[in-house]
Amino acid sequence: MTSSTPYEYSYELDEKKPLNLDSNYVSSFSKYKRYVLWLFSILFILFWLSDFSLVAAEPKVVIIVAVNSGGGGVLKWKSEQEWAIERISIENKRAYAKRHGYGLFIKDQALSKRYSHEYREGWQKVDIMKQTMREFPNAEWFWWLDVETLIMEPQLSLEEHIFDRLDEIANKTLEAFNPLHIATDVAYVDYSQPSDMLITQDCGGFNLGSFLMRNTEWTELLLDIWWDPVGYEQKHMVWEHREQDALEALYANEPWIREKIAFLPLRQINAFPPGACADFKIDLRYFYNEKEHDFVVNMAGCNFGRDCWGEMRQYTQLMQTLHRRWYSMFF
């Protein structure tokens, strides 16, 4: 008996047929190929000429804010309101720095033995400034702001508000305003030198709640001599305003320091609320004016008989009101 298979399998492969491409597709690609190449070429040139970079550019201006993240200063532990003030202040500077492409350096004022016997926060400004300069060696300017400050006009850049018109708004001498009656006729001072430090004066003298320093060799030398251990040990209990009194002494006695410092009007970067400089409450040079849109308000001395949290909340709400968009009422 013979067996048979019900199906027959054919193992012969079909002859290969040539692949037929859609002629319309090929012709369309050929037609637009030139335009695609032109488009990529233009985009490449624009990318090459633009400032766009995959690596973040180093900031030309760095804002410095020092806080006590450890929970307290020398005299007492921080309250809940003090924590809130720090959060509002830091967010204010962070938003401003992001808006204008500046750097932001938030430094913790940790306990240091050489400051532990008195108010360290003031004296540490010098050390923190030096640390920031090492952290951002290519920055051009450093702007120190106390934590009790608030930038009220965030749309203004420092270039627009200060640097581009520095010769118009700054004074190199104390002849126009000299609350400390420092001698103005000093030998060997070259006032034609460029300004490497911009500060303000209030009713009591130099105020360092808001000041700017240029990244130069002169600045490095000043910072070294400003916090001199020998001078600090001899004078730290005599100088009531600590680092400010030290700078005033250096300015009064050192011509090479005097010729590089320029004075801005207080309301240019450091306006006061009504409670500060109470003995001069009718002097409009000191106090914040919302109608004239002063740049920065500094609640200086608010922890001495005033309400820091109340003032910070008041000016925060005022800033929001001044810059509220017309369409915000619908949201």
C-alpha atoms as a PDB file:
ATOM      1  CA  MET A   1       0.000   0.000   0.000  1.00  0.00           C
ATOM      2  CA  THR A   2       1.434   3.173  -1.028  1.00  0.00           C
ATOM      3  CA  SER A   3       1.087   6.318   1.062  1.00  0.00           C
ATOM      4  CA  SER A   4       0.222   9.635  -0.440  1.00  0.00           C
ATOM      5  CA  THR A   5       0.346  13.157   0.915  1.00  0.00           C
ATOM      6  CA  PRO A   6      -2.838  15.157   0.781  1.00  0.00           C
ATOM      7  CA  TYR A   7      -1.003  18.401   0.022  1.00  0.00           C
ATOM      8  CA  GLU A   8       1.910  19.280  -2.127  1.00  0.00           C
ATOM      9  CA  TYR A   9       4.297  22.013  -0.981  1.00  0.00           C
ATOM     10  CA  SER A  10       6.146  24.091  -3.476  1.00  0.00           C
ATOM     11  CA  TYR A  11       9.567  25.163  -2.286  1.00  0.00           C
ATOM     12  CA  GLU A  12      10.298  27.238  -5.320  1.00  0.00           C
ATOM     13  CA  LEU A  13      10.740  30.902  -4.523  1.00  0.00           C
ATOM     14  CA  ASP A  14       8.943  33.476  -6.532  1.00  0.00           C
ATOM     15  CA  GLU A  15      11.098  35.498  -8.768  1.00  0.00           C
ATOM     16  CA  LYS A  16      12.155  38.779  -7.191  1.00  0.00           C
ATOM     17  CA  LYS A  17      10.318  41.698  -8.563  1.00  0.00           C
ATOM     18  CA  PRO A  18      11.842  45.139  -8.669  1.00  0.00           C
ATOM     19  CA  LEU A  19      10.621  47.569  -5.983  1.00  0.00           C
ATOM     20  CA  ASN A  20       8.398  50.173  -7.529  1.00  0.00           C
ATOM     21  CA  LEU A  21       8.596  53.505  -5.671  1.00  0.00           C
ATOM     22  CA  ASP A  22       5.815  55.933  -5.934  1.00  0.00           C
ATOM     23  CA  SER A  23       6.938  58.286  -8.637  1.00  0.00           C
ATOM     24  CA  ASN A  24       4.834  61.103  -7.187  1.00  0.00           C
ATOM     25  CA  TYR A  25       6.596  60.814  -3.796  1.00  0.00           C
ATOM     26  CA  VAL A  26      10.045  60.931  -5.384  1.00  0.00           C
ATOM     27  CA  SER A  27       9.205  63.906  -7.502  1.00  0.00           C
ATOM     28  CA  SER A  28       7.710  65.782  -4.502  1.00  0.00           C
ATOM     29  CA  PHE A  29      10.825  65.217  -2.385  1.00  0.00           C
ATOM     30  CA  SER A  30      13.084  66.356  -5.206  1.00  0.00           C
ATOM     31  CA  LYS A  31      10.955  69.411  -5.700  1.00  0.00           C
ATOM     32  CA  TYR A  32      11.112  70.584  -2.056  1.00  0.00           C
ATOM     33  CA  LYS A  33      14.597  69.340  -1.189  1.00  0.00           C
ATOM     34  CA  ARG A  34      16.166  72.662  -2.072  1.00  0.00           C
ATOM     35  CA  TYR A  35      13.754  74.588   0.157  1.00  0.00           C
ATOM     36  CA  VAL A  36      14.386  72.221   3.081  1.00  0.00           C
ATOM     37  CA  LEU A  37      18.135  72.691   2.749  1.00  0.00           C
ATOM     38  CA  TRP A  38      17.726  76.458   2.622  1.00  0.00           C
ATOM     39  CA  LEU A  39      15.569  76.374   5.760  1.00  0.00           C
ATOM     40  CA  PHE A  40      18.110  74.332   7.714  1.00  0.00           C
ATOM     41  CA  SER A  41      20.912  76.628   6.558  1.00  0.00           C
ATOM     42  CA  ILE A  42      19.081  79.742   7.750  1.00  0.00           C
ATOM     43  CA  LEU A  43      18.253  78.168  11.111  1.00  0.00           C
ATOM     44  CA  PHE A  44      21.875  77.125  11.576  1.00  0.00           C
ATOM     45  CA  ILE A  45      23.134  80.647  10.854  1.00  0.00           C
ATOM     46  CA  LEU A  46      20.613  82.192  13.258  1.00  0.00           C
ATOM     47  CA  PHE A  47      21.584  79.705  15.948  1.00  0.00           C
ATOM     48  CA  TRP A  48      25.272  80.448  15.411  1.00  0.00           C
ATOM     49  CA  LEU A  49      24.864  84.230  15.564  1.00  0.00           C
ATOM     50  CA  SER A  50      22.437  84.292  18.487  1.00  0.00           C
ATOM     51  CA  ASP A  51      23.330  84.306  22.179  1.00  0.00           C
ATOM     52  CA  PHE A  52      21.586  81.003  22.716  1.00  0.00           C
ATOM     53  CA  SER A  53      23.768  78.381  24.324  1.00  0.00           C
ATOM     54  CA  LEU A  54      23.210  74.947  25.750  1.00  0.00           C
ATOM     55  CA  VAL A  55      25.509  75.984  28.611  1.00  0.00           C
ATOM     56  CA  ALA A  56      24.191  78.708  30.910  1.00  0.00           C
ATOM     57  CA  ALA A  57      26.153  81.942  30.596  1.00  0.00           C
ATOM     58  CA  GLU A  58      27.860  83.303  33.677  1.00  0.00           C
ATOM     59  CA  PRO A  59      25.994  86.286  35.147  1.00  0.00           C
ATOM     60  CA  LYS A  60      27.486  89.754  34.934  1.00  0.00           C
ATOM     61  CA  VAL A  61      25.695  90.862  38.107  1.00  0.00           C
ATOM     62  CA  VAL A  62      25.308  88.766  41.266  1.00  0.00           C
ATOM     63  CA  ILE A  63      22.828  89.625  44.020  1.00  0.00           C
ATOM     64  CA  ILE A  64      23.868  88.612  47.539  1.00  0.00           C
ATOM     65  CA  VAL A  65      21.429  87.905  50.363  1.00  0.00           C
ATOM     66  CA  ALA A  66      22.562  86.570  53.738  1.00  0.00           C
ATOM     67  CA  VAL A  67      20.143  84.675  55.989  1.00  0.00           C
ATOM     68  CA  ASN A  68      20.229  82.729  59.225  1.00  0.00           C
ATOM     69  CA  SER A  69      18.917  79.364  58.077  1.00  0.00           C
ATOM     70  CA  GLY A  70      20.115  77.704  61.270  1.00  0.00           C
ATOM     71  CA  GLY A  71      17.282  79.175  63.302  1.00  0.00           C
ATOM     72  CA  GLY A  72      18.682  82.170  65.096  1.00  0.00           C
ATOM     73  CA  GLY A  73      21.170  84.947  65.500  1.00  0.00           C
ATOM     74  CA  VAL A  74      23.399  85.805  68.398  1.00  0.00           C
ATOM     75  CA  LEU A  75      20.720  87.206  70.666  1.00  0.00           C
ATOM     76  CA  LYS A  76      17.642  85.027  70.111  1.00  0.00           C
ATOM     77  CA  TRP A  77      15.971  82.308  68.065  1.00  0.00           C
ATOM     78  CA  LYS A  78      14.073  83.314  64.969  1.00  0.00           C
ATOM     79  CA  SER A  79      10.323  83.675  65.180  1.00  0.00           C
ATOM     80  CA  GLU A  80       7.768  82.467  62.651  1.00  0.00           C
ATOM     81  CA  GLN A  81       7.434  85.997  61.313  1.00  0.00           C
ATOM     82  CA  GLU A  82      11.196  86.257  60.777  1.00  0.00           C
ATOM     83  CA  TRP A  83      11.085  83.042  58.742  1.00  0.00           C
ATOM     84  CA  ALA A  84       8.277  84.558  56.662  1.00  0.00           C
ATOM     85  CA  ILE A  85      10.273  87.759  56.089  1.00  0.00           C
ATOM     86  CA  GLU A  86      13.202  85.728  54.784  1.00  0.00           C
ATOM     87  CA  ARG A  87      10.999  83.718  52.425  1.00  0.00           C
ATOM     88  CA  ILE A  88       9.366  86.836  50.970  1.00  0.00           C
ATOM     89  CA  SER A  89      12.687  88.641  50.617  1.00  0.00           C
ATOM     90  CA  ILE A  90      14.466  85.723  48.939  1.00  0.00           C
ATOM     91  CA  GLU A  91      11.617  85.097  46.511  1.00  0.00           C
ATOM     92  CA  ASN A  92      11.614  88.801  45.632  1.00  0.00           C
ATOM     93  CA  LYS A  93      15.324  88.719  44.758  1.00  0.00           C
ATOM     94  CA  ARG A  94      15.070  85.364  42.986  1.00  0.00           C
ATOM     95  CA  ALA A  95      12.308  86.621  40.690  1.00  0.00           C
ATOM     96  CA  TYR A  96      14.245  89.813  39.953  1.00  0.00           C
ATOM     97  CA  ALA A  97      17.486  87.942  39.199  1.00  0.00           C
ATOM     98  CA  LYS A  98      15.687  85.503  36.891  1.00  0.00           C
ATOM     99  CA  ARG A  99      13.951  88.331  35.060  1.00  0.00           C
ATOM    100  CA  HIS A 100      17.195  90.144  34.210  1.00  0.00           C
ATOM    101  CA  GLY A 101      19.620  87.234  33.937  1.00  0.00           C
ATOM    102  CA  TYR A 102      21.505  88.018  37.150  1.00  0.00           C
ATOM    103  CA  GLY A 103      23.000  85.549  39.576  1.00  0.00           C
ATOM    104  CA  LEU A 104      21.690  85.063  43.113  1.00  0.00           C
ATOM    105  CA  PHE A 105      23.929  83.994  45.996  1.00  0.00           C
ATOM    106  CA  ILE A 106      22.077  83.118  49.210  1.00  0.00           C
ATOM    107  CA  LYS A 107      24.546  82.719  52.046  1.00  0.00           C
ATOM    108  CA  ASP A 108      23.889  81.193  55.429  1.00  0.00           C
ATOM    109  CA  GLN A 109      25.310  83.282  58.262  1.00  0.00           C
ATOM    110  CA  ALA A 110      26.506  80.321  60.261  1.00  0.00           C
ATOM    111  CA  LEU A 111      27.975  80.818  63.697  1.00  0.00           C
ATOM    112  CA  SER A 112      31.644  81.759  63.575  1.00  0.00           C
ATOM    113  CA  LYS A 113      33.907  81.986  66.600  1.00  0.00           C
ATOM    114  CA  ARG A 114      35.398  85.289  65.597  1.00  0.00           C
ATOM    115  CA  TYR A 115      31.945  86.907  65.564  1.00  0.00           C
ATOM    116  CA  SER A 116      30.269  84.981  68.377  1.00  0.00           C
ATOM    117  CA  HIS A 117      30.766  87.584  71.124  1.00  0.00           C
ATOM    118  CA  GLU A 118      28.697  90.285  69.390  1.00  0.00           C
ATOM    119  CA  TYR A 119      26.566  90.992  66.319  1.00  0.00           C
ATOM    120  CA  ARG A 120      28.199  88.901  63.632  1.00  0.00           C
ATOM    121  CA  GLU A 121      25.719  89.676  60.843  1.00  0.00           C
ATOM    122  CA  GLY A 122      27.244  93.059  60.025  1.00  0.00           C
ATOM    123  CA  TRP A 123      30.868  92.007  60.088  1.00  0.00           C
ATOM    124  CA  GLN A 124      30.197  88.910  58.018  1.00  0.00           C
ATOM    125  CA  LYS A 125      29.296  91.046  55.016  1.00  0.00           C
ATOM    126  CA  VAL A 126      32.988  91.326  54.192  1.00  0.00           C
ATOM    127  CA  ASP A 127      33.631  87.585  54.365  1.00  0.00           C
ATOM    128  CA  ILE A 128      30.487  86.777  52.382  1.00  0.00           C
ATOM    129  CA  MET A 129      31.422  89.293  49.697  1.00  0.00           C
ATOM    130  CA  LYS A 130      34.847  87.663  49.348  1.00  0.00           C
ATOM    131  CA  GLN A 131      33.281  84.198  49.134  1.00  0.00           C
ATOM    132  CA  THR A 132      30.883  85.369  46.440  1.00  0.00           C
ATOM    133  CA  MET A 133      33.707  86.844  44.386  1.00  0.00           C
ATOM    134  CA  ARG A 134      35.476  83.487  44.494  1.00  0.00           C
ATOM    135  CA  GLU A 135      32.246  81.717  43.525  1.00  0.00           C
ATOM    136  CA  PHE A 136      31.609  84.052  40.552  1.00  0.00           C
ATOM    137  CA  PRO A 137      35.074  85.141  39.363  1.00  0.00           C
ATOM    138  CA  ASN A 138      33.805  86.455  36.012  1.00  0.00           C
ATOM    139  CA  ALA A 139      30.986  88.628  37.342  1.00  0.00           C
ATOM    140  CA  GLU A 140      31.375  92.388  36.913  1.00  0.00           C
ATOM    141  CA  TRP A 141      29.251  93.680  39.795  1.00  0.00           C
ATOM    142  CA  PHE A 142      28.042  92.349  43.136  1.00  0.00           C
ATOM    143  CA  TRP A 143      24.941  93.796  44.771  1.00  0.00           C
ATOM    144  CA  TRP A 144      24.511  93.265  48.502  1.00  0.00           C
ATOM    145  CA  LEU A 145      20.949  93.471  49.837  1.00  0.00           C
ATOM    146  CA  ASP A 146      19.961  93.030  53.467  1.00  0.00           C
ATOM    147  CA  VAL A 147      17.195  90.533  54.064  1.00  0.00           C
ATOM    148  CA  GLU A 148      14.852  93.341  55.203  1.00  0.00           C
ATOM    149  CA  THR A 149      14.904  94.905  51.730  1.00  0.00           C
ATOM    150  CA  LEU A 150      12.358  94.611  48.933  1.00  0.00           C
ATOM    151  CA  ILE A 151      12.816  95.444  45.245  1.00  0.00           C
ATOM    152  CA  MET A 152       9.731  97.518  44.466  1.00  0.00           C
ATOM    153  CA  GLU A 153      10.299  98.132  40.742  1.00  0.00           C
ATOM    154  CA  PRO A 154      11.390  94.735  39.365  1.00  0.00           C
ATOM    155  CA  GLN A 155      11.007  95.819  35.741  1.00  0.00           C
ATOM    156  CA  LEU A 156      14.070  98.093  36.067  1.00  0.00           C
ATOM    157  CA  SER A 157      17.443  96.515  35.381  1.00  0.00           C
ATOM    158  CA  LEU A 158      20.559  97.762  37.146  1.00  0.00           C
ATOM    159  CA  GLU A 159      21.978  98.782  33.791  1.00  0.00           C
ATOM    160  CA  GLU A 160      18.978 100.981  33.063  1.00  0.00           C
ATOM    161  CA  HIS A 161      18.582 102.309  36.586  1.00  0.00           C
ATOM    162  CA  ILE A 162      22.225 102.859  37.588  1.00  0.00           C
ATOM    163  CA  PHE A 163      25.128 101.726  35.421  1.00  0.00           C
ATOM    164  CA  ASP A 164      24.184 103.443  32.153  1.00  0.00           C
ATOM    165  CA  ARG A 165      23.780 106.821  33.870  1.00  0.00           C
ATOM    166  CA  LEU A 166      26.202 106.538  36.749  1.00  0.00           C
ATOM    167  CA  ASP A 167      27.903 109.849  35.961  1.00  0.00           C
ATOM    168  CA  GLU A 168      24.561 111.643  36.243  1.00  0.00           C
ATOM    169  CA  ILE A 169      23.329 110.248  39.554  1.00  0.00           C
ATOM    170  CA  ALA A 170      26.478 109.545  41.611  1.00  0.00           C
ATOM    171  CA  ASN A 171      28.614 111.960  43.636  1.00  0.00           C
ATOM    172  CA  LYS A 172      32.311 111.289  44.095  1.00  0.00           C
ATOM    173  CA  THR A 173      32.675 113.745  46.989  1.00  0.00           C
ATOM    174  CA  LEU A 174      30.777 114.547  50.185  1.00  0.00           C
ATOM    175  CA  GLU A 175      30.261 118.212  49.402  1.00  0.00           C
ATOM    176  CA  ALA A 176      26.573 117.790  48.510  1.00  0.00           C
ATOM    177  CA  PHE A 177      25.637 115.653  51.517  1.00  0.00           C
ATOM    178  CA  ASN A 178      27.871 114.968  54.519  1.00  0.00           C
ATOM    179  CA  PRO A 179      25.911 114.005  57.659  1.00  0.00           C
ATOM    180  CA  LEU A 180      29.059 112.848  59.494  1.00  0.00           C
ATOM    181  CA  HIS A 181      30.999 116.027  58.647  1.00  0.00           C
ATOM    182  CA  ILE A 182      33.934 114.036  57.308  1.00  0.00           C
ATOM    183  CA  ALA A 183      36.765 116.214  56.032  1.00  0.00           C
ATOM    184  CA  THR A 184      36.370 116.795  52.303  1.00  0.00           C
ATOM    185  CA  ASP A 185      39.746 118.413  51.586  1.00  0.00           C
ATOM    186  CA  VAL A 186      42.117 115.442  51.528  1.00  0.00           C
ATOM    187  CA  ALA A 187      45.425 115.323  49.675  1.00  0.00           C
ATOM    188  CA  TYR A 188      46.410 112.758  47.050  1.00  0.00           C
ATOM    189  CA  VAL A 189      42.844 111.876  46.056  1.00  0.00           C
ATOM    190  CA  ASP A 190      42.176 111.402  42.347  1.00  0.00           C
ATOM    191  CA  TYR A 191      38.413 111.679  41.917  1.00  0.00           C
ATOM    192  CA  SER A 192      38.717 110.951  38.200  1.00  0.00           C
ATOM    193  CA  GLN A 193      39.231 107.278  38.996  1.00  0.00           C
ATOM    194  CA  PRO A 194      36.322 104.975  38.044  1.00  0.00           C
ATOM    195  CA  SER A 195      33.963 104.071  40.861  1.00  0.00           C
ATOM    196  CA  ASP A 196      34.356 100.526  42.150  1.00  0.00           C
ATOM    197  CA  MET A 197      31.975 100.827  45.105  1.00  0.00           C
ATOM    198  CA  LEU A 198      28.539 102.458  45.154  1.00  0.00           C
ATOM    199  CA  ILE A 199      27.005 103.198  48.547  1.00  0.00           C
ATOM    200  CA  THR A 200      24.392 105.483  50.083  1.00  0.00           C
ATOM    201  CA  GLN A 201      24.169 107.699  53.161  1.00  0.00           C
ATOM    202  CA  ASP A 202      21.264 108.075  55.548  1.00  0.00           C
ATOM    203  CA  CYS A 203      20.722 110.464  58.436  1.00  0.00           C
ATOM    204  CA  GLY A 204      23.418 108.681  60.466  1.00  0.00           C
ATOM    205  CA  GLY A 205      26.136 108.247  57.860  1.00  0.00           C
ATOM    206  CA  PHE A 206      27.116 105.410  55.551  1.00  0.00           C
ATOM    207  CA  ASN A 207      24.425 102.782  55.033  1.00  0.00           C
ATOM    208  CA  LEU A 208      25.340  99.306  53.803  1.00  0.00           C
ATOM    209  CA  GLY A 209      21.886  97.769  53.638  1.00  0.00           C
ATOM    210  CA  SER A 210      22.155  98.006  49.851  1.00  0.00           C
ATOM    211  CA  PHE A 211      25.455  98.631  48.074  1.00  0.00           C
ATOM    212  CA  LEU A 212      27.350  97.553  44.954  1.00  0.00           C
ATOM    213  CA  MET A 213      30.978  96.549  44.411  1.00  0.00           C
ATOM    214  CA  ARG A 214      32.792  96.041  41.130  1.00  0.00           C
ATOM    215  CA  ASN A 215      34.961  92.957  40.664  1.00  0.00           C
ATOM    216  CA  THR A 216      38.423  94.555  40.649  1.00  0.00           C
ATOM    217  CA  GLU A 217      41.774  94.239  42.402  1.00  0.00           C
ATOM    218  CA  TRP A 218      40.917  97.393  44.354  1.00  0.00           C
ATOM    219  CA  THR A 219      37.803  95.689  45.731  1.00  0.00           C
ATOM    220  CA  GLU A 220      39.775  92.634  46.816  1.00  0.00           C
ATOM    221  CA  LEU A 221      42.309  94.830  48.601  1.00  0.00           C
ATOM    222  CA  LEU A 222      39.579  96.857  50.303  1.00  0.00           C
ATOM    223  CA  LEU A 223      37.855  93.704  51.543  1.00  0.00           C
ATOM    224  CA  ASP A 224      41.146  92.453  52.982  1.00  0.00           C
ATOM    225  CA  ILE A 225      41.804  95.641  54.931  1.00  0.00           C
ATOM    226  CA  TRP A 226      38.147  96.276  55.816  1.00  0.00           C
ATOM    227  CA  TRP A 227      38.043  93.247  58.075  1.00  0.00           C
ATOM    228  CA  ASP A 228      41.494  93.481  59.589  1.00  0.00           C
ATOM    229  CA  PRO A 229      41.721  91.225  62.681  1.00  0.00           C
ATOM    230  CA  VAL A 230      43.875  93.710  64.606  1.00  0.00           C
ATOM    231  CA  GLY A 231      41.611  96.666  63.913  1.00  0.00           C
ATOM    232  CA  TYR A 232      38.535  94.565  64.591  1.00  0.00           C
ATOM    233  CA  GLU A 233      39.819  93.470  67.996  1.00  0.00           C
ATOM    234  CA  GLN A 234      40.598  97.051  68.996  1.00  0.00           C
ATOM    235  CA  LYS A 235      37.505  98.784  67.649  1.00  0.00           C
ATOM    236  CA  HIS A 236      34.614  96.311  67.429  1.00  0.00           C
ATOM    237  CA  MET A 237      33.204  97.385  70.806  1.00  0.00           C
ATOM    238  CA  VAL A 238      33.627 101.083  69.979  1.00  0.00           C
ATOM    239  CA  TRP A 239      32.089 101.138  66.510  1.00  0.00           C
ATOM    240  CA  GLU A 240      28.352 101.172  67.126  1.00  0.00           C
ATOM    241  CA  HIS A 241      27.477 100.375  63.529  1.00  0.00           C
ATOM    242  CA  ARG A 242      30.270  97.827  63.126  1.00  0.00           C
ATOM    243  CA  GLU A 243      31.233  97.377  59.469  1.00  0.00           C
ATOM    244  CA  GLN A 244      29.741 100.747  58.496  1.00  0.00           C
ATOM    245  CA  ASP A 245      31.843 102.618  61.048  1.00  0.00           C
ATOM    246  CA  ALA A 246      34.920 100.705  59.887  1.00  0.00           C
ATOM    247  CA  LEU A 247      34.329 101.769  56.275  1.00  0.00           C
ATOM    248  CA  GLU A 248      33.761 105.369  57.367  1.00  0.00           C
ATOM    249  CA  ALA A 249      37.133 105.343  59.148  1.00  0.00           C
ATOM    250  CA  LEU A 250      38.870 103.912  56.082  1.00  0.00           C
ATOM    251  CA  TYR A 251      37.210 106.463  53.816  1.00  0.00           C
ATOM    252  CA  ALA A 252      38.224 109.350  56.079  1.00  0.00           C
ATOM    253  CA  ASN A 253      41.884 108.326  56.339  1.00  0.00           C
ATOM    254  CA  GLU A 254      42.824 106.462  53.147  1.00  0.00           C
ATOM    255  CA  PRO A 255      42.939 108.481  49.886  1.00  0.00           C
ATOM    256  CA  TRP A 256      43.187 105.352  47.708  1.00  0.00           C
ATOM    257  CA  ILE A 257      39.890 104.148  49.159  1.00  0.00           C
ATOM    258  CA  ARG A 258      38.134 107.502  48.962  1.00  0.00           C
ATOM    259  CA  GLU A 259      38.830 108.009  45.257  1.00  0.00           C
ATOM    260  CA  LYS A 260      37.089 104.774  44.233  1.00  0.00           C
ATOM    261  CA  ILE A 261      33.865 105.189  46.234  1.00  0.00           C
ATOM    262  CA  ALA A 262      30.826 106.992  44.834  1.00  0.00           C
ATOM    263  CA  PHE A 263      27.618 107.942  46.618  1.00  0.00           C
ATOM    264  CA  LEU A 264      24.152 107.341  45.231  1.00  0.00           C
ATOM    265  CA  PRO A 265      21.056 109.121  46.563  1.00  0.00           C
ATOM    266  CA  LEU A 266      19.520 107.006  49.299  1.00  0.00           C
ATOM    267  CA  ARG A 267      16.248 106.578  47.439  1.00  0.00           C
ATOM    268  CA  GLN A 268      18.086 105.313  44.371  1.00  0.00           C
ATOM    269  CA  ILE A 269      18.730 101.856  45.862  1.00  0.00           C
ATOM    270  CA  ASN A 270      17.944 102.099  49.580  1.00  0.00           C
ATOM    271  CA  ALA A 271      14.817 104.115  50.427  1.00  0.00           C
ATOM    272  CA  PHE A 272      13.555 104.038  54.023  1.00  0.00           C
ATOM    273  CA  PRO A 273      10.043 103.535  55.400  1.00  0.00           C
ATOM    274  CA  PRO A 274       8.608 106.372  57.515  1.00  0.00           C
ATOM    275  CA  GLY A 275       9.691 104.780  60.809  1.00  0.00           C
ATOM    276  CA  ALA A 276      13.417 104.998  60.067  1.00  0.00           C
ATOM    277  CA  CYS A 277      15.348 108.233  60.691  1.00  0.00           C
ATOM    278  CA  ALA A 278      12.450 109.389  62.855  1.00  0.00           C
ATOM    279  CA  ASP A 279      14.167 112.680  63.729  1.00  0.00           C
ATOM    280  CA  PHE A 280      14.212 113.620  60.037  1.00  0.00           C
ATOM    281  CA  LYS A 281      10.685 112.574  59.087  1.00  0.00           C
ATOM    282  CA  ILE A 282      10.089 115.725  57.028  1.00  0.00           C
ATOM    283  CA  ASP A 283      13.254 115.226  54.952  1.00  0.00           C
ATOM    284  CA  LEU A 284      12.040 113.629  51.727  1.00  0.00           C
ATOM    285  CA  ARG A 285      15.539 112.529  50.706  1.00  0.00           C
ATOM    286  CA  TYR A 286      15.318 109.496  52.971  1.00  0.00           C
ATOM    287  CA  PHE A 287      11.862 108.010  52.594  1.00  0.00           C
ATOM    288  CA  TYR A 288      10.208 105.777  50.048  1.00  0.00           C
ATOM    289  CA  ASN A 289       7.786 107.499  47.677  1.00  0.00           C
ATOM    290  CA  GLU A 290       5.436 105.223  45.776  1.00  0.00           C
ATOM    291  CA  LYS A 291       4.351 108.024  43.420  1.00  0.00           C
ATOM    292  CA  GLU A 292       7.947 108.422  42.246  1.00  0.00           C
ATOM    293  CA  HIS A 293       8.406 104.632  42.085  1.00  0.00           C
ATOM    294  CA  ASP A 294      11.523 104.296  44.211  1.00  0.00           C
ATOM    295  CA  PHE A 295      13.528 101.212  43.298  1.00  0.00           C
ATOM    296  CA  VAL A 296      14.183  99.527  46.665  1.00  0.00           C
ATOM    297  CA  VAL A 297      12.769  99.920  50.154  1.00  0.00           C
ATOM    298  CA  ASN A 298      14.895  98.963  53.156  1.00  0.00           C
ATOM    299  CA  MET A 299      13.144  98.377  56.483  1.00  0.00           C
ATOM    300  CA  ALA A 300      16.350  99.367  58.259  1.00  0.00           C
ATOM    301  CA  GLY A 301      16.224  99.149  62.040  1.00  0.00           C
ATOM    302  CA  CYS A 302      12.732  97.663  62.065  1.00  0.00           C
ATOM    303  CA  ASN A 303      13.734  95.239  64.829  1.00  0.00           C
ATOM    304  CA  PHE A 304      14.326  98.174  67.191  1.00  0.00           C
ATOM    305  CA  GLY A 305      10.865  99.205  68.317  1.00  0.00           C
ATOM    306  CA  ARG A 306       9.104  98.675  64.972  1.00  0.00           C
ATOM    307  CA  ASP A 307       7.188  95.831  63.348  1.00  0.00           C
ATOM    308  CA  CYS A 308       9.388  94.172  60.709  1.00  0.00           C
ATOM    309  CA  TRP A 309       6.701  91.728  59.618  1.00  0.00           C
ATOM    310  CA  GLY A 310       4.067  94.451  59.371  1.00  0.00           C
ATOM    311  CA  GLU A 311       6.320  96.630  57.216  1.00  0.00           C
ATOM    312  CA  MET A 312       7.370  93.743  54.971  1.00  0.00           C
ATOM    313  CA  ARG A 313       3.755  92.705  54.465  1.00  0.00           C
ATOM    314  CA  GLN A 314       2.697  96.302  53.768  1.00  0.00           C
ATOM    315  CA  TYR A 315       5.314  96.878  51.074  1.00  0.00           C
ATOM    316  CA  THR A 316       4.785  93.452  49.545  1.00  0.00           C
ATOM    317  CA  GLN A 317       1.095  94.216  49.099  1.00  0.00           C
ATOM    318  CA  LEU A 318       1.941  97.675  47.754  1.00  0.00           C
ATOM    319  CA  MET A 319       4.338  96.213  45.191  1.00  0.00           C
ATOM    320  CA  GLN A 320       1.672  93.769  44.022  1.00  0.00           C
ATOM    321  CA  THR A 321      -0.814  96.628  43.702  1.00  0.00           C
ATOM    322  CA  LEU A 322       1.589  98.825  41.755  1.00  0.00           C
ATOM    323  CA  HIS A 323       2.369  96.074  39.259  1.00  0.00           C
ATOM    324  CA  ARG A 324      -1.001  94.364  38.987  1.00  0.00           C
ATOM    325  CA  ARG A 325      -1.975  93.629  35.392  1.00  0.00           C
ATOM    326  CA  TRP A 326      -5.264  94.983  34.099  1.00  0.00           C
ATOM    327  CA  TYR A 327      -6.493  91.496  33.260  1.00  0.00           C
ATOM    328  CA  SER A 328      -5.792  90.105  36.754  1.00  0.00           C
ATOM    329  CA  MET A 329      -9.265  91.178  37.896  1.00  0.00           C
ATOM    330  CA  PHE A 330     -10.741  88.427  35.728  1.00  0.00           C
ATOM    331  CA  PHE A 331      -8.768  85.630  37.407  1.00  0.00           C
END
